[in-house]
Protein backbone atom coordinates (compact mmCIF):
# COMPACT_ATOMS: atom_id res chain seq x y z
CA MET A 1 103.36 113.04 114.87
CA LYS A 2 102.88 110.17 117.26
CA ASN A 3 105.84 107.91 117.93
CA VAL A 4 105.33 104.21 118.66
CA THR A 5 107.83 102.05 120.42
CA VAL A 6 108.50 98.73 118.75
CA ASN A 7 110.88 95.89 119.68
CA LEU A 8 111.86 94.11 116.43
CA CYS A 9 113.77 91.02 115.47
CA ILE A 10 115.07 91.56 111.96
CA LYS A 11 117.27 89.62 109.55
CA ASP A 12 120.93 90.49 109.08
CA TYR A 13 120.26 91.78 105.52
CA THR A 14 117.51 94.14 106.77
CA ASN A 15 119.96 95.38 109.42
CA ARG A 16 122.56 96.12 106.82
CA VAL A 17 120.03 97.89 104.61
CA LEU A 18 118.99 100.12 107.51
CA GLY A 19 122.66 100.75 108.27
CA VAL A 20 123.26 101.90 104.70
CA LEU A 21 120.23 104.16 104.74
CA LYS A 22 121.40 105.57 108.07
CA GLU A 23 124.76 106.48 106.62
CA LYS A 24 123.48 107.64 103.17
CA TYR A 25 121.05 110.10 104.70
CA GLY A 26 123.08 111.03 107.80
CA LEU A 27 120.45 109.78 110.22
CA ARG A 28 121.04 109.36 113.98
CA ASP A 29 119.89 105.75 114.30
CA LYS A 30 118.25 102.79 112.55
CA ALA A 31 114.82 103.83 113.80
CA GLU A 32 115.21 107.02 111.65
CA ALA A 33 116.45 104.85 108.83
CA LEU A 34 113.33 102.77 109.05
CA ASP A 35 111.24 105.92 108.99
CA LYS A 36 113.14 107.08 105.89
CA PHE A 37 112.55 103.72 104.24
CA ALA A 38 108.79 104.03 104.92
CA GLU A 39 108.85 107.65 103.57
CA LEU A 40 110.58 106.55 100.37
CA TYR A 41 108.53 103.42 99.65
CA GLY A 42 105.43 103.51 101.83
CA SER A 43 103.30 105.35 99.29
CA GLU A 44 103.38 102.21 97.12
CA PHE A 45 101.40 100.43 99.80
CA VAL A 46 99.54 103.04 101.90
CA ASP A 47 97.86 106.24 100.75
CA ALA A 48 98.99 109.36 102.60
CA GLU A 49 96.56 110.90 105.05
CA VAL A 50 94.47 113.73 103.67
CA LYS A 51 94.24 116.90 105.88
CA ASP A 52 90.85 117.99 107.09
CA ASP A 53 91.13 121.37 105.40
CA VAL A 54 91.70 119.70 102.04
CA VAL A 55 88.59 117.53 102.49
CA ARG A 56 86.58 120.61 103.46
CA GLN A 57 87.88 122.51 100.38
CA VAL A 58 86.88 119.62 98.03
CA ILE A 59 83.43 119.36 99.66
CA LYS A 60 82.93 123.15 99.33
CA SER A 61 83.97 123.07 95.68
CA CYS A 62 81.57 120.22 94.95
CA ASP A 63 78.76 121.98 96.73
CA TYR A 64 79.45 125.16 94.74
CA HIS A 65 79.45 123.20 91.52
CA ILE A 66 76.08 121.55 92.35
CA VAL A 67 74.56 124.97 93.29
CA ARG A 68 75.85 126.46 90.03
CA HIS A 69 75.20 123.60 87.62
CA GLY A 70 72.84 121.24 89.48
CA PHE A 71 72.99 117.52 88.75
CA LYS A 72 72.88 117.89 85.00
CA ALA A 73 74.67 115.24 83.11
CA THR A 74 77.35 116.32 80.67
CA SER A 75 77.30 114.82 77.19
CA LEU A 76 80.40 113.36 75.59
CA ALA A 77 80.39 116.23 73.03
CA GLU A 78 80.34 118.83 75.82
CA LEU A 79 83.21 117.11 77.58
CA ARG A 80 85.32 116.99 74.37
CA LYS A 81 84.57 120.77 73.84
CA ILE A 82 85.76 121.50 77.44
CA CYS A 83 88.91 119.41 77.07
CA GLU A 84 89.90 120.86 73.77
CA ALA A 85 89.57 124.46 74.92
């Protein structure tokens, strides 16, 4: 994990929120509280990074499916049959 140094000017309310997070989760400083805040609420704004091995696995699975089934379209009736099974 790469750390970035940032010099911030925050409002008093933000400072208090970070202080509460710091105490609630037993963190060392407000930088850790800010990291915790991002961990808790960041997924609402930014998608998590996908690891390379997961991407490779998905590509391998798709390639296998294409080799096995080709590019044949699946009818709505076939999809219903698969989903109901």
